[in-house]
Amino acid sequence: MIISSNQIQHVLQVYGAKRLEKGSGMAETSRVKGSGQDTVNVSEEARLLQAAMKAVREAPEEREQIVNTLGQAVRSGTYSVTGDQIAEKLLGRDLVDRLGSE
């Protein structure tokens, strides 16, 4: 899955707009009458954000290994990319950015 910076900005804008519409919308604290205890009600948006952050934290750290492998190939002169591969990645990124901005 390709996630572009445009998509991230779009999500942040949408999330920020929803927070403004609903106040802070993250959590609501109230005191239960007579019990002397506070309660917290977490919004659905906060639950989704929490789940997304957990998924990011639990994602495997394979990227560092991939970068090291590619770096070694570049340094040794064995890394090669065709023009077709470059064009495919450029067009794919452009498509993702366009779909993310809709």
PDB file of N, CA and C in Angstrom:
ATOM      1  N   MET A   1       0.845  -1.176   0.000  1.00  0.00           N
ATOM      2  CA  MET A   1       0.000   0.000   0.000  1.00  0.00           C
ATOM      3  C   MET A   1       0.885   1.232   0.000  1.00  0.00           C
ATOM      4  N   ILE A   2       0.581   2.168  -0.869  1.00  0.00           N
ATOM      5  CA  ILE A   2       1.340   3.410  -0.954  1.00  0.00           C
ATOM      6  C   ILE A   2       0.545   4.498  -0.240  1.00  0.00           C
ATOM      7  N   ILE A   3       1.183   5.159   0.693  1.00  0.00           N
ATOM      8  CA  ILE A   3       0.562   6.282   1.382  1.00  0.00           C
ATOM      9  C   ILE A   3       1.397   7.511   1.069  1.00  0.00           C
ATOM     10  N   SER A   4       0.762   8.486   0.419  1.00  0.00           N
ATOM     11  CA  SER A   4       1.494   9.684   0.036  1.00  0.00           C
ATOM     12  C   SER A   4       1.291  10.787   1.061  1.00  0.00           C
ATOM     13  N   SER A   5       2.141  11.786   0.986  1.00  0.00           N
ATOM     14  CA  SER A   5       2.020  12.921   1.907  1.00  0.00           C
ATOM     15  C   SER A   5       0.715  13.669   1.659  1.00  0.00           C
ATOM     16  N   ASN A   6       0.237  13.680   0.417  1.00  0.00           N
ATOM     17  CA  ASN A   6      -1.045  14.331   0.126  1.00  0.00           C
ATOM     18  C   ASN A   6      -2.182  13.633   0.860  1.00  0.00           C
ATOM     19  N   GLN A   7      -2.142  12.302   0.907  1.00  0.00           N
ATOM     20  CA  GLN A   7      -3.183  11.569   1.614  1.00  0.00           C
ATOM     21  C   GLN A   7      -3.136  11.859   3.106  1.00  0.00           C
ATOM     22  N   ILE A   8      -1.964  11.920   3.660  1.00  0.00           N
ATOM     23  CA  ILE A   8      -1.823  12.204   5.086  1.00  0.00           C
ATOM     24  C   ILE A   8      -2.376  13.596   5.398  1.00  0.00           C
ATOM     25  N   GLN A   9      -2.036  14.574   4.568  1.00  0.00           N
ATOM     26  CA  GLN A   9      -2.541  15.930   4.781  1.00  0.00           C
ATOM     27  C   GLN A   9      -4.054  15.968   4.677  1.00  0.00           C
ATOM     28  N   HIS A  10      -4.609  15.222   3.718  1.00  0.00           N
ATOM     29  CA  HIS A  10      -6.063  15.182   3.545  1.00  0.00           C
ATOM     30  C   HIS A  10      -6.730  14.607   4.794  1.00  0.00           C
ATOM     31  N   VAL A  11      -6.203  13.512   5.316  1.00  0.00           N
ATOM     32  CA  VAL A  11      -6.763  12.894   6.521  1.00  0.00           C
ATOM     33  C   VAL A  11      -6.688  13.868   7.685  1.00  0.00           C
ATOM     34  N   LEU A  12      -5.559  14.550   7.833  1.00  0.00           N
ATOM     35  CA  LEU A  12      -5.418  15.509   8.932  1.00  0.00           C
ATOM     36  C   LEU A  12      -6.410  16.655   8.801  1.00  0.00           C
ATOM     37  N   GLN A  13      -6.642  17.123   7.577  1.00  0.00           N
ATOM     38  CA  GLN A  13      -7.598  18.207   7.372  1.00  0.00           C
ATOM     39  C   GLN A  13      -9.013  17.756   7.711  1.00  0.00           C
ATOM     40  N   VAL A  14      -9.394  16.565   7.230  1.00  0.00           N
ATOM     41  CA  VAL A  14     -10.732  16.050   7.498  1.00  0.00           C
ATOM     42  C   VAL A  14     -10.914  15.819   8.987  1.00  0.00           C
ATOM     43  N   TYR A  15      -9.919  15.205   9.614  1.00  0.00           N
ATOM     44  CA  TYR A  15     -10.012  14.930  11.043  1.00  0.00           C
ATOM     45  C   TYR A  15     -10.089  16.232  11.835  1.00  0.00           C
ATOM     46  N   GLY A  16      -9.280  17.219  11.455  1.00  0.00           N
ATOM     47  CA  GLY A  16      -9.297  18.508  12.134  1.00  0.00           C
ATOM     48  C   GLY A  16     -10.635  19.205  11.992  1.00  0.00           C
ATOM     49  N   ALA A  17     -11.237  19.132  10.797  1.00  0.00           N
ATOM     50  CA  ALA A  17     -12.538  19.756  10.565  1.00  0.00           C
ATOM     51  C   ALA A  17     -13.612  19.091  11.423  1.00  0.00           C
ATOM     52  N   LYS A  18     -13.565  17.763  11.529  1.00  0.00           N
ATOM     53  CA  LYS A  18     -14.550  17.054  12.353  1.00  0.00           C
ATOM     54  C   LYS A  18     -14.387  17.417  13.825  1.00  0.00           C
ATOM     55  N   ARG A  19     -13.141  17.577  14.275  1.00  0.00           N
ATOM     56  CA  ARG A  19     -12.913  17.951  15.672  1.00  0.00           C
ATOM     57  C   ARG A  19     -13.501  19.322  15.954  1.00  0.00           C
ATOM     58  N   LEU A  20     -13.355  20.268  15.006  1.00  0.00           N
ATOM     59  CA  LEU A  20     -13.898  21.606  15.204  1.00  0.00           C
ATOM     60  C   LEU A  20     -15.422  21.576  15.242  1.00  0.00           C
ATOM     61  N   GLU A  21     -16.033  20.726  14.399  1.00  0.00           N
ATOM     62  CA  GLU A  21     -17.491  20.632  14.353  1.00  0.00           C
ATOM     63  C   GLU A  21     -18.058  20.096  15.666  1.00  0.00           C
ATOM     64  N   LYS A  22     -17.342  19.162  16.289  1.00  0.00           N
ATOM     65  CA  LYS A  22     -17.852  18.488  17.469  1.00  0.00           C
ATOM     66  C   LYS A  22     -17.203  18.974  18.757  1.00  0.00           C
ATOM     67  N   GLY A  23     -16.563  20.115  18.767  1.00  0.00           N
ATOM     68  CA  GLY A  23     -15.768  20.515  19.919  1.00  0.00           C
ATOM     69  C   GLY A  23     -14.471  19.741  19.821  1.00  0.00           C
ATOM     70  N   SER A  24     -13.914  19.329  20.924  1.00  0.00           N
ATOM     71  CA  SER A  24     -12.678  18.548  20.828  1.00  0.00           C
ATOM     72  C   SER A  24     -12.987  17.146  20.360  1.00  0.00           C
ATOM     73  N   GLY A  25     -14.147  16.594  20.734  1.00  0.00           N
ATOM     74  CA  GLY A  25     -14.582  15.310  20.227  1.00  0.00           C
ATOM     75  C   GLY A  25     -13.759  14.118  20.662  1.00  0.00           C
ATOM     76  N   MET A  26     -12.663  14.311  21.350  1.00  0.00           N
ATOM     77  CA  MET A  26     -11.796  13.196  21.692  1.00  0.00           C
ATOM     78  C   MET A  26     -12.337  12.422  22.896  1.00  0.00           C
ATOM     79  N   ALA A  27     -12.671  13.100  23.945  1.00  0.00           N
ATOM     80  CA  ALA A  27     -13.178  12.400  25.120  1.00  0.00           C
ATOM     81  C   ALA A  27     -14.044  13.359  25.920  1.00  0.00           C
ATOM     82  N   GLU A  28     -15.006  12.795  26.575  1.00  0.00           N
ATOM     83  CA  GLU A  28     -15.904  13.588  27.391  1.00  0.00           C
ATOM     84  C   GLU A  28     -15.821  13.047  28.810  1.00  0.00           C
ATOM     85  N   THR A  29     -15.562  13.922  29.755  1.00  0.00           N
ATOM     86  CA  THR A  29     -15.442  13.502  31.146  1.00  0.00           C
ATOM     87  C   THR A  29     -16.636  14.033  31.918  1.00  0.00           C
ATOM     88  N   SER A  30     -17.204  13.183  32.737  1.00  0.00           N
ATOM     89  CA  SER A  30     -18.323  13.636  33.568  1.00  0.00           C
ATOM     90  C   SER A  30     -18.235  12.952  34.927  1.00  0.00           C
ATOM     91  N   ARG A  31     -18.898  13.541  35.875  1.00  0.00           N
ATOM     92  CA  ARG A  31     -18.912  12.959  37.216  1.00  0.00           C
ATOM     93  C   ARG A  31     -20.246  12.247  37.389  1.00  0.00           C
ATOM     94  N   VAL A  32     -20.178  10.998  37.848  1.00  0.00           N
ATOM     95  CA  VAL A  32     -21.382  10.233  38.122  1.00  0.00           C
ATOM     96  C   VAL A  32     -21.950  10.733  39.441  1.00  0.00           C
ATOM     97  N   LYS A  33     -23.218  11.145  39.423  1.00  0.00           N
ATOM     98  CA  LYS A  33     -23.846  11.724  40.620  1.00  0.00           C
ATOM     99  C   LYS A  33     -23.837  10.734  41.772  1.00  0.00           C
ATOM    100  N   GLY A  34     -23.382  11.207  42.902  1.00  0.00           N
ATOM    101  CA  GLY A  34     -23.436  10.432  44.121  1.00  0.00           C
ATOM    102  C   GLY A  34     -22.360   9.371  44.264  1.00  0.00           C
ATOM    103  N   SER A  35     -21.634   9.063  43.200  1.00  0.00           N
ATOM    104  CA  SER A  35     -20.658   7.969  43.308  1.00  0.00           C
ATOM    105  C   SER A  35     -19.269   8.469  43.669  1.00  0.00           C
ATOM    106  N   GLY A  36     -19.006   9.752  43.427  1.00  0.00           N
ATOM    107  CA  GLY A  36     -17.683  10.287  43.710  1.00  0.00           C
ATOM    108  C   GLY A  36     -16.628   9.836  42.705  1.00  0.00           C
ATOM    109  N   GLN A  37     -17.071   9.250  41.597  1.00  0.00           N
ATOM    110  CA  GLN A  37     -16.138   8.777  40.582  1.00  0.00           C
ATOM    111  C   GLN A  37     -16.375   9.515  39.265  1.00  0.00           C
ATOM    112  N   ASP A  38     -15.294   9.691  38.520  1.00  0.00           N
ATOM    113  CA  ASP A  38     -15.381  10.281  37.196  1.00  0.00           C
ATOM    114  C   ASP A  38     -15.493   9.177  36.158  1.00  0.00           C
ATOM    115  N   THR A  39     -16.148   9.491  35.050  1.00  0.00           N
ATOM    116  CA  THR A  39     -16.207   8.554  33.938  1.00  0.00           C
ATOM    117  C   THR A  39     -15.681   9.257  32.696  1.00  0.00           C
ATOM    118  N   VAL A  40     -15.195   8.481  31.745  1.00  0.00           N
ATOM    119  CA  VAL A  40     -14.699   9.027  30.487  1.00  0.00           C
ATOM    120  C   VAL A  40     -15.398   8.306  29.354  1.00  0.00           C
ATOM    121  N   ASN A  41     -15.962   9.072  28.446  1.00  0.00           N
ATOM    122  CA  ASN A  41     -16.568   8.516  27.239  1.00  0.00           C
ATOM    123  C   ASN A  41     -15.688   8.910  26.060  1.00  0.00           C
ATOM    124  N   VAL A  42     -15.107   7.925  25.393  1.00  0.00           N
ATOM    125  CA  VAL A  42     -14.193   8.175  24.277  1.00  0.00           C
ATOM    126  C   VAL A  42     -14.988   8.136  22.977  1.00  0.00           C
ATOM    127  N   SER A  43     -14.769   9.140  22.113  1.00  0.00           N
ATOM    128  CA  SER A  43     -15.510   9.217  20.861  1.00  0.00           C
ATOM    129  C   SER A  43     -15.063   8.135  19.881  1.00  0.00           C
ATOM    130  N   GLU A  44     -15.887   7.888  18.876  1.00  0.00           N
ATOM    131  CA  GLU A  44     -15.560   6.904  17.843  1.00  0.00           C
ATOM    132  C   GLU A  44     -14.314   7.335  17.079  1.00  0.00           C
ATOM    133  N   GLU A  45     -14.163   8.636  16.836  1.00  0.00           N
ATOM    134  CA  GLU A  45     -12.978   9.133  16.130  1.00  0.00           C
ATOM    135  C   GLU A  45     -11.709   8.834  16.923  1.00  0.00           C
ATOM    136  N   ALA A  46     -11.788   8.995  18.240  1.00  0.00           N
ATOM    137  CA  ALA A  46     -10.631   8.714  19.089  1.00  0.00           C
ATOM    138  C   ALA A  46     -10.296   7.235  19.058  1.00  0.00           C
ATOM    139  N   ARG A  47     -11.321   6.381  19.043  1.00  0.00           N
ATOM    140  CA  ARG A  47     -11.072   4.929  18.966  1.00  0.00           C
ATOM    141  C   ARG A  47     -10.392   4.563  17.656  1.00  0.00           C
ATOM    142  N   LEU A  48     -10.861   5.159  16.560  1.00  0.00           N
ATOM    143  CA  LEU A  48     -10.251   4.888  15.251  1.00  0.00           C
ATOM    144  C   LEU A  48      -8.803   5.369  15.214  1.00  0.00           C
ATOM    145  N   LEU A  49      -8.566   6.550  15.743  1.00  0.00           N
ATOM    146  CA  LEU A  49      -7.202   7.081  15.782  1.00  0.00           C
ATOM    147  C   LEU A  49      -6.314   6.186  16.640  1.00  0.00           C
ATOM    148  N   GLN A  50      -6.830   5.735  17.750  1.00  0.00           N
ATOM    149  CA  GLN A  50      -6.079   4.855  18.636  1.00  0.00           C
ATOM    150  C   GLN A  50      -5.732   3.538  17.927  1.00  0.00           C
ATOM    151  N   ALA A  51      -6.685   2.976  17.181  1.00  0.00           N
ATOM    152  CA  ALA A  51      -6.442   1.728  16.450  1.00  0.00           C
ATOM    153  C   ALA A  51      -5.405   1.934  15.349  1.00  0.00           C
ATOM    154  N   ALA A  52      -5.480   3.082  14.665  1.00  0.00           N
ATOM    155  CA  ALA A  52      -4.507   3.369  13.610  1.00  0.00           C
ATOM    156  C   ALA A  52      -3.103   3.528  14.187  1.00  0.00           C
ATOM    157  N   MET A  53      -2.992   4.218  15.297  1.00  0.00           N
ATOM    158  CA  MET A  53      -1.684   4.400  15.925  1.00  0.00           C
ATOM    159  C   MET A  53      -1.117   3.066  16.404  1.00  0.00           C
ATOM    160  N   LYS A  54      -1.971   2.187  16.915  1.00  0.00           N
ATOM    161  CA  LYS A  54      -1.518   0.864  17.358  1.00  0.00           C
ATOM    162  C   LYS A  54      -0.994   0.066  16.169  1.00  0.00           C
ATOM    163  N   ALA A  55      -1.702   0.131  15.030  1.00  0.00           N
ATOM    164  CA  ALA A  55      -1.268  -0.597  13.829  1.00  0.00           C
ATOM    165  C   ALA A  55       0.086  -0.093  13.350  1.00  0.00           C
ATOM    166  N   VAL A  56       0.308   1.215  13.414  1.00  0.00           N
ATOM    167  CA  VAL A  56       1.597   1.781  13.003  1.00  0.00           C
ATOM    168  C   VAL A  56       2.708   1.312  13.935  1.00  0.00           C
ATOM    169  N   ARG A  57       2.451   1.338  15.225  1.00  0.00           N
ATOM    170  CA  ARG A  57       3.469   0.898  16.195  1.00  0.00           C
ATOM    171  C   ARG A  57       3.804  -0.581  16.043  1.00  0.00           C
ATOM    172  N   GLU A  58       2.812  -1.401  15.673  1.00  0.00           N
ATOM    173  CA  GLU A  58       3.022  -2.840  15.561  1.00  0.00           C
ATOM    174  C   GLU A  58       3.508  -3.281  14.186  1.00  0.00           C
ATOM    175  N   ALA A  59       3.603  -2.356  13.242  1.00  0.00           N
ATOM    176  CA  ALA A  59       4.063  -2.714  11.892  1.00  0.00           C
ATOM    177  C   ALA A  59       5.506  -3.215  11.963  1.00  0.00           C
ATOM    178  N   PRO A  60       5.818  -4.223  11.175  1.00  0.00           N
ATOM    179  CA  PRO A  60       7.184  -4.755  11.217  1.00  0.00           C
ATOM    180  C   PRO A  60       8.200  -3.730  10.727  1.00  0.00           C
ATOM    181  N   GLU A  61       9.377  -3.776  11.305  1.00  0.00           N
ATOM    182  CA  GLU A  61      10.443  -2.848  10.964  1.00  0.00           C
ATOM    183  C   GLU A  61      11.301  -3.420   9.829  1.00  0.00           C
ATOM    184  N   GLU A  62      10.681  -3.703   8.699  1.00  0.00           N
ATOM    185  CA  GLU A  62      11.384  -4.260   7.553  1.00  0.00           C
ATOM    186  C   GLU A  62      12.037  -3.180   6.707  1.00  0.00           C
ATOM    187  N   ARG A  63      11.543  -1.979   6.806  1.00  0.00           N
ATOM    188  CA  ARG A  63      12.032  -0.898   5.943  1.00  0.00           C
ATOM    189  C   ARG A  63      13.533  -0.665   6.115  1.00  0.00           C
ATOM    190  N   GLU A  64      14.015  -0.697   7.340  1.00  0.00           N
ATOM    191  CA  GLU A  64      15.443  -0.468   7.576  1.00  0.00           C
ATOM    192  C   GLU A  64      16.281  -1.527   6.860  1.00  0.00           C
ATOM    193  N   GLN A  65      15.848  -2.760   6.906  1.00  0.00           N
ATOM    194  CA  GLN A  65      16.570  -3.838   6.234  1.00  0.00           C
ATOM    195  C   GLN A  65      16.545  -3.646   4.722  1.00  0.00           C
ATOM    196  N   ILE A  66      15.405  -3.246   4.178  1.00  0.00           N
ATOM    197  CA  ILE A  66      15.288  -3.007   2.736  1.00  0.00           C
ATOM    198  C   ILE A  66      16.212  -1.870   2.319  1.00  0.00           C
ATOM    199  N   VAL A  67      16.207  -0.782   3.085  1.00  0.00           N
ATOM    200  CA  VAL A  67      17.055   0.370   2.764  1.00  0.00           C
ATOM    201  C   VAL A  67      18.526  -0.025   2.814  1.00  0.00           C
ATOM    202  N   ASN A  68      18.919  -0.789   3.814  1.00  0.00           N
ATOM    203  CA  ASN A  68      20.313  -1.231   3.915  1.00  0.00           C
ATOM    204  C   ASN A  68      20.707  -2.103   2.730  1.00  0.00           C
ATOM    205  N   THR A  69      19.822  -3.017   2.331  1.00  0.00           N
ATOM    206  CA  THR A  69      20.094  -3.896   1.190  1.00  0.00           C
ATOM    207  C   THR A  69      20.244  -3.086  -0.092  1.00  0.00           C
ATOM    208  N   LEU A  70      19.330  -2.141  -0.310  1.00  0.00           N
ATOM    209  CA  LEU A  70      19.414  -1.301  -1.509  1.00  0.00           C
ATOM    210  C   LEU A  70      20.660  -0.416  -1.483  1.00  0.00           C
ATOM    211  N   GLY A  71      20.977   0.133  -0.329  1.00  0.00           N
ATOM    212  CA  GLY A  71      22.176   0.964  -0.204  1.00  0.00           C
ATOM    213  C   GLY A  71      23.436   0.190  -0.551  1.00  0.00           C
ATOM    214  N   GLN A  72      23.515  -1.044  -0.090  1.00  0.00           N
ATOM    215  CA  GLN A  72      24.671  -1.889  -0.398  1.00  0.00           C
ATOM    216  C   GLN A  72      24.750  -2.160  -1.899  1.00  0.00           C
ATOM    217  N   ALA A  73      23.596  -2.420  -2.532  1.00  0.00           N
ATOM    218  CA  ALA A  73      23.576  -2.671  -3.974  1.00  0.00           C
ATOM    219  C   ALA A  73      24.025  -1.438  -4.750  1.00  0.00           C
ATOM    220  N   VAL A  74      23.601  -0.253  -4.308  1.00  0.00           N
ATOM    221  CA  VAL A  74      24.019   0.991  -4.974  1.00  0.00           C
ATOM    222  C   VAL A  74      25.523   1.183  -4.817  1.00  0.00           C
ATOM    223  N   ARG A  75      26.019   0.995  -3.604  1.00  0.00           N
ATOM    224  CA  ARG A  75      27.460   1.172  -3.359  1.00  0.00           C
ATOM    225  C   ARG A  75      28.313   0.185  -4.157  1.00  0.00           C
ATOM    226  N   SER A  76      27.815  -1.036  -4.324  1.00  0.00           N
ATOM    227  CA  SER A  76      28.600  -2.050  -5.036  1.00  0.00           C
ATOM    228  C   SER A  76      28.410  -1.967  -6.556  1.00  0.00           C
ATOM    229  N   GLY A  77      27.463  -1.118  -6.998  1.00  0.00           N
ATOM    230  CA  GLY A  77      27.237  -0.959  -8.438  1.00  0.00           C
ATOM    231  C   GLY A  77      26.370  -2.045  -9.054  1.00  0.00           C
ATOM    232  N   THR A  78      25.691  -2.834  -8.231  1.00  0.00           N
ATOM    233  CA  THR A  78      24.849  -3.909  -8.756  1.00  0.00           C
ATOM    234  C   THR A  78      23.376  -3.541  -8.824  1.00  0.00           C
ATOM    235  N   TYR A  79      23.019  -2.352  -8.409  1.00  0.00           N
ATOM    236  CA  TYR A  79      21.617  -1.923  -8.433  1.00  0.00           C
ATOM    237  C   TYR A  79      21.302  -1.331  -9.791  1.00  0.00           C
ATOM    238  N   SER A  80      20.249  -1.836 -10.420  1.00  0.00           N
ATOM    239  CA  SER A  80      19.842  -1.271 -11.707  1.00  0.00           C
ATOM    240  C   SER A  80      18.327  -1.204 -11.788  1.00  0.00           C
ATOM    241  N   VAL A  81      17.848  -0.160 -12.406  1.00  0.00           N
ATOM    242  CA  VAL A  81      16.418   0.065 -12.577  1.00  0.00           C
ATOM    243  C   VAL A  81      16.184   0.435 -14.035  1.00  0.00           C
ATOM    244  N   THR A  82      15.145  -0.141 -14.627  1.00  0.00           N
ATOM    245  CA  THR A  82      14.825   0.180 -16.022  1.00  0.00           C
ATOM    246  C   THR A  82      13.977   1.447 -16.071  1.00  0.00           C
ATOM    247  N   GLY A  83      13.951   2.053 -17.217  1.00  0.00           N
ATOM    248  CA  GLY A  83      13.106   3.231 -17.419  1.00  0.00           C
ATOM    249  C   GLY A  83      11.639   2.908 -17.219  1.00  0.00           C
ATOM    250  N   ASP A  84      11.243   1.694 -17.614  1.00  0.00           N
ATOM    251  CA  ASP A  84       9.851   1.276 -17.423  1.00  0.00           C
ATOM    252  C   ASP A  84       9.490   1.209 -15.939  1.00  0.00           C
ATOM    253  N   GLN A  85      10.399   0.720 -15.120  1.00  0.00           N
ATOM    254  CA  GLN A  85      10.139   0.643 -13.682  1.00  0.00           C
ATOM    255  C   GLN A  85       9.997   2.036 -13.074  1.00  0.00           C
ATOM    256  N   ILE A  86      10.838   2.957 -13.512  1.00  0.00           N
ATOM    257  CA  ILE A  86      10.760   4.338 -13.007  1.00  0.00           C
ATOM    258  C   ILE A  86       9.439   4.967 -13.410  1.00  0.00           C
ATOM    259  N   ALA A  87       9.058   4.817 -14.682  1.00  0.00           N
ATOM    260  CA  ALA A  87       7.808   5.390 -15.181  1.00  0.00           C
ATOM    261  C   ALA A  87       6.607   4.803 -14.435  1.00  0.00           C
ATOM    262  N   GLU A  88       6.643   3.503 -14.202  1.00  0.00           N
ATOM    263  CA  GLU A  88       5.545   2.845 -13.488  1.00  0.00           C
ATOM    264  C   GLU A  88       5.371   3.420 -12.088  1.00  0.00           C
ATOM    265  N   LYS A  89       6.460   3.616 -11.367  1.00  0.00           N
ATOM    266  CA  LYS A  89       6.389   4.171 -10.010  1.00  0.00           C
ATOM    267  C   LYS A  89       5.906   5.618 -10.028  1.00  0.00           C
ATOM    268  N   LEU A  90       6.396   6.412 -10.997  1.00  0.00           N
ATOM    269  CA  LEU A  90       5.971   7.813 -11.088  1.00  0.00           C
ATOM    270  C   LEU A  90       4.472   7.902 -11.357  1.00  0.00           C
ATOM    271  N   LEU A  91       3.986   7.105 -12.291  1.00  0.00           N
ATOM    272  CA  LEU A  91       2.561   7.136 -12.631  1.00  0.00           C
ATOM    273  C   LEU A  91       1.716   6.599 -11.473  1.00  0.00           C
ATOM    274  N   GLY A  92       2.204   5.573 -10.811  1.00  0.00           N
ATOM    275  CA  GLY A  92       1.479   5.032  -9.665  1.00  0.00           C
ATOM    276  C   GLY A  92       1.358   6.043  -8.545  1.00  0.00           C
ATOM    277  N   ARG A  93       2.433   6.749  -8.260  1.00  0.00           N
ATOM    278  CA  ARG A  93       2.414   7.770  -7.210  1.00  0.00           C
ATOM    279  C   ARG A  93       1.456   8.902  -7.579  1.00  0.00           C
ATOM    280  N   ASP A  94       1.476   9.324  -8.858  1.00  0.00           N
ATOM    281  CA  ASP A  94       0.589  10.379  -9.311  1.00  0.00           C
ATOM    282  C   ASP A  94      -0.874   9.944  -9.161  1.00  0.00           C
ATOM    283  N   LEU A  95      -1.160   8.716  -9.505  1.00  0.00           N
ATOM    284  CA  LEU A  95      -2.517   8.203  -9.376  1.00  0.00           C
ATOM    285  C   LEU A  95      -2.960   8.175  -7.920  1.00  0.00           C
ATOM    286  N   VAL A  96      -2.108   7.729  -7.033  1.00  0.00           N
ATOM    287  CA  VAL A  96      -2.434   7.687  -5.602  1.00  0.00           C
ATOM    288  C   VAL A  96      -2.686   9.091  -5.084  1.00  0.00           C
ATOM    289  N   ASP A  97      -1.861  10.044  -5.483  1.00  0.00           N
ATOM    290  CA  ASP A  97      -2.046  11.431  -5.035  1.00  0.00           C
ATOM    291  C   ASP A  97      -3.371  12.003  -5.542  1.00  0.00           C
ATOM    292  N   ARG A  98      -3.710  11.701  -6.780  1.00  0.00           N
ATOM    293  CA  ARG A  98      -4.980  12.209  -7.326  1.00  0.00           C
ATOM    294  C   ARG A  98      -6.179  11.582  -6.632  1.00  0.00           C
ATOM    295  N   LEU A  99      -6.125  10.286  -6.380  1.00  0.00           N
ATOM    296  CA  LEU A  99      -7.229   9.623  -5.695  1.00  0.00           C
ATOM    297  C   LEU A  99      -7.345  10.091  -4.253  1.00  0.00           C
ATOM    298  N   GLY A 100      -6.209  10.381  -3.628  1.00  0.00           N
ATOM    299  CA  GLY A 100      -6.221  10.829  -2.238  1.00  0.00           C
ATOM    300  C   GLY A 100      -6.761  12.230  -2.062  1.00  0.00           C
ATOM    301  N   SER A 101      -6.722  13.043  -3.108  1.00  0.00           N
ATOM    302  CA  SER A 101      -7.175  14.424  -2.978  1.00  0.00           C
ATOM    303  C   SER A 101      -8.653  14.584  -3.315  1.00  0.00           C
ATOM    304  N   GLU A 102      -9.310  13.504  -3.700  1.00  0.00           N
ATOM    305  CA  GLU A 102     -10.743  13.590  -4.038  1.00  0.00           C
ATOM    306  C   GLU A 102     -11.609  13.444  -2.832  1.00  0.00           C
TER     307      GLU A 102
END
